[in-house]
N, C-alpha and C. Protein backbone atom coordinates (compact mmCIF):
# COMPACT_ATOMS: atom_id res chain seq x y z
N MET A 1 9.30 -17.98 364.77
CA MET A 1 8.19 -18.68 364.55
C MET A 1 7.41 -18.90 366.11
N GLN A 2 8.48 -18.55 366.94
CA GLN A 2 8.10 -18.48 368.49
C GLN A 2 7.44 -17.19 368.60
N GLU A 3 7.67 -16.13 368.09
CA GLU A 3 7.10 -14.87 368.07
C GLU A 3 5.74 -14.77 367.72
N ILE A 4 5.44 -15.62 366.44
CA ILE A 4 4.33 -15.53 365.74
C ILE A 4 3.63 -16.20 366.58
N LEU A 5 3.67 -17.44 366.75
CA LEU A 5 2.67 -18.25 367.98
C LEU A 5 2.26 -17.51 369.05
N THR A 6 3.35 -16.63 369.82
CA THR A 6 2.84 -15.80 370.63
C THR A 6 1.84 -14.97 370.59
N ALA A 7 1.99 -14.26 369.41
CA ALA A 7 1.07 -13.18 368.87
C ALA A 7 -0.15 -13.80 368.67
N VAL A 8 -0.25 -15.09 367.72
CA VAL A 8 -1.64 -15.23 367.62
C VAL A 8 -2.31 -15.99 368.72
N THR A 9 -1.70 -16.41 369.81
CA THR A 9 -2.13 -16.78 371.06
C THR A 9 -2.81 -15.89 371.73
N TYR A 10 -2.00 -14.57 371.57
CA TYR A 10 -2.50 -13.18 372.39
C TYR A 10 -3.80 -12.97 371.95
N LEU A 11 -4.20 -13.01 370.70
CA LEU A 11 -5.03 -12.94 370.13
C LEU A 11 -6.62 -13.33 369.96
N VAL A 12 -6.17 -14.93 369.86
CA VAL A 12 -7.21 -16.03 369.93
C VAL A 12 -7.70 -16.10 371.65
N VAL A 13 -6.80 -15.59 372.44
CA VAL A 13 -7.17 -15.94 373.68
C VAL A 13 -8.41 -14.54 373.88
N TRP A 14 -7.41 -13.71 373.42
CA TRP A 14 -8.38 -12.11 373.46
C TRP A 14 -9.80 -12.39 372.98
N LEU A 15 -9.98 -12.61 371.74
CA LEU A 15 -11.18 -13.12 370.95
C LEU A 15 -12.07 -14.09 371.76
N ILE A 16 -11.52 -15.17 372.46
CA ILE A 16 -12.31 -15.88 373.57
C ILE A 16 -12.82 -15.54 374.28
N CYS A 17 -12.05 -14.50 375.15
CA CYS A 17 -12.43 -13.72 376.06
C CYS A 17 -13.36 -12.99 376.33
N GLN A 18 -13.40 -11.89 374.90
CA GLN A 18 -14.55 -11.21 374.56
C GLN A 18 -15.72 -11.85 374.01
N ARG A 19 -15.83 -12.85 373.14
CA ARG A 19 -16.59 -13.29 372.15
C ARG A 19 -17.38 -14.42 372.82
N VAL A 20 -16.50 -15.69 373.41
CA VAL A 20 -16.70 -16.62 373.87
C VAL A 20 -17.38 -16.81 375.47
N ILE A 21 -16.69 -16.43 376.14
CA ILE A 21 -16.63 -16.00 377.96
C ILE A 21 -17.65 -14.99 377.77
N GLY A 22 -17.36 -13.77 377.47
CA GLY A 22 -17.99 -12.68 377.90
C GLY A 22 -17.38 -11.48 378.69
N ILE A 23 -16.40 -11.42 379.02
CA ILE A 23 -15.75 -11.12 379.52
C ILE A 23 -15.64 -9.59 379.30
N GLU A 24 -16.14 -8.55 380.01
CA GLU A 24 -16.31 -7.14 379.47
C GLU A 24 -15.49 -5.75 379.82
N SER A 25 -14.79 -6.61 380.89
CA SER A 25 -13.56 -5.70 381.55
C SER A 25 -12.25 -5.71 380.49
N GLY A 26 -11.90 -4.92 380.04
CA GLY A 26 -10.63 -4.19 378.97
C GLY A 26 -9.36 -4.98 379.71
N LEU A 27 -9.45 -4.81 381.19
CA LEU A 27 -7.97 -5.09 382.02
C LEU A 27 -8.07 -6.60 381.88
N THR A 28 -9.23 -7.11 382.54
CA THR A 28 -9.23 -8.53 383.01
C THR A 28 -8.54 -9.44 381.57
N THR A 29 -9.24 -8.56 380.50
CA THR A 29 -9.33 -9.45 379.32
C THR A 29 -7.55 -9.44 378.91
N LEU A 30 -7.46 -8.38 378.90
CA LEU A 30 -5.57 -8.08 378.79
C LEU A 30 -4.61 -8.69 379.46
N LEU A 31 -5.08 -8.90 380.86
CA LEU A 31 -4.02 -9.44 381.66
C LEU A 31 -4.41 -11.58 381.57
N ILE A 32 -5.42 -11.44 381.07
CA ILE A 32 -5.29 -13.07 380.75
C ILE A 32 -4.74 -13.43 379.36
N SER A 33 -4.93 -12.42 378.67
CA SER A 33 -4.21 -12.87 376.83
C SER A 33 -2.74 -12.73 377.15
N LEU A 34 -2.13 -11.41 377.90
CA LEU A 34 -0.98 -11.64 378.01
C LEU A 34 -0.30 -12.81 378.83
N THR A 35 -1.16 -13.06 379.97
CA THR A 35 -0.45 -14.36 380.76
C THR A 35 -0.22 -15.45 379.51
N ALA A 36 -1.42 -15.70 378.91
CA ALA A 36 -1.21 -16.83 377.95
C ALA A 36 -0.29 -17.00 377.01
N ALA A 37 0.01 -15.73 376.44
CA ALA A 37 0.88 -15.49 375.52
C ALA A 37 2.35 -15.45 376.21
N VAL A 38 2.32 -15.13 377.10
CA VAL A 38 3.90 -15.23 378.12
C VAL A 38 4.18 -16.51 378.31
N SER A 39 3.64 -17.37 378.60
CA SER A 39 3.14 -18.79 379.12
C SER A 39 3.66 -19.38 377.94
N VAL A 40 2.93 -19.02 376.64
CA VAL A 40 3.38 -20.14 375.50
C VAL A 40 4.75 -19.91 375.39
N TYR A 41 5.11 -18.53 375.34
CA TYR A 41 6.77 -18.13 374.78
C TYR A 41 7.60 -18.98 375.73
N VAL A 42 7.34 -18.88 376.82
CA VAL A 42 8.20 -19.50 378.34
C VAL A 42 8.20 -20.94 377.56
N ILE A 43 7.10 -21.45 377.35
CA ILE A 43 7.04 -23.02 377.37
C ILE A 43 7.98 -23.57 375.98
N ILE A 44 7.83 -22.82 374.78
CA ILE A 44 8.59 -22.88 374.14
C ILE A 44 10.05 -22.63 373.85
N ALA A 45 10.46 -21.80 374.72
CA ALA A 45 11.72 -21.64 375.23
C ALA A 45 12.40 -22.58 375.63
N LEU A 46 11.55 -23.05 376.96
CA LEU A 46 12.20 -24.09 377.67
C LEU A 46 12.28 -25.58 376.84
N LYS A 47 11.65 -25.67 375.98
CA LYS A 47 11.31 -27.18 375.23
C LYS A 47 12.73 -26.78 374.39
N GLU A 48 13.00 -25.82 373.85
CA GLU A 48 14.21 -25.61 373.03
C GLU A 48 15.26 -26.18 373.49
N TYR A 49 15.54 -25.04 374.83
CA TYR A 49 16.55 -25.42 375.38
C TYR A 49 16.90 -26.83 376.11
N ARG A 50 15.90 -27.68 376.31
CA ARG A 50 16.18 -28.96 376.82
C ARG A 50 16.23 -29.88 375.75
N ASP A 51 16.03 -29.02 374.50
CA ASP A 51 16.20 -30.08 372.97
C ASP A 51 17.81 -30.08 372.90
N LYS A 52 18.22 -28.86 372.72
CA LYS A 52 19.73 -28.31 372.83
C LYS A 52 20.51 -29.13 373.60
N LYS A 53 20.01 -29.16 374.50
CA LYS A 53 20.77 -29.64 375.74
C LYS A 53 20.55 -31.21 375.71
N ARG A 54 19.90 -31.86 375.21
CA ARG A 54 19.79 -33.22 375.26
C ARG A 54 20.58 -33.55 373.89
N LYS A 55 20.76 -32.69 373.15
CA LYS A 55 21.64 -33.25 372.08
C LYS A 55 23.25 -32.84 372.11
N GLY A 56 23.38 -32.28 373.21
CA GLY A 56 24.42 -31.80 373.53
C GLY A 56 25.44 -30.55 372.92
N GLU A 57 24.60 -29.78 372.76
CA GLU A 57 24.66 -28.49 372.04
C GLU A 57 25.36 -27.35 373.08
N LEU A 58 24.58 -27.29 374.41
CA LEU A 58 24.97 -26.57 375.31
C LEU A 58 25.77 -27.41 376.76
N GLN A 59 27.03 -26.59 377.04
CA GLN A 59 27.69 -27.13 378.14
C GLN A 59 27.32 -26.32 379.15
N ASP A 60 27.19 -26.85 380.03
CA ASP A 60 26.69 -26.70 381.35
C ASP A 60 27.99 -27.15 382.31
């Protein structure tokens, strides 16, 4: 699920940059889209880690 959401985020942000904002630079659009996708991936991973830690499934 996490990977699917990351891929969808990448595509949505790419389309927003191209169509709505009107950024014509491919490199700029790529960097913005990748940053958003990686950010979503990291946020979800941190949330899952904290949830597991609260439930006591992880031992630190």
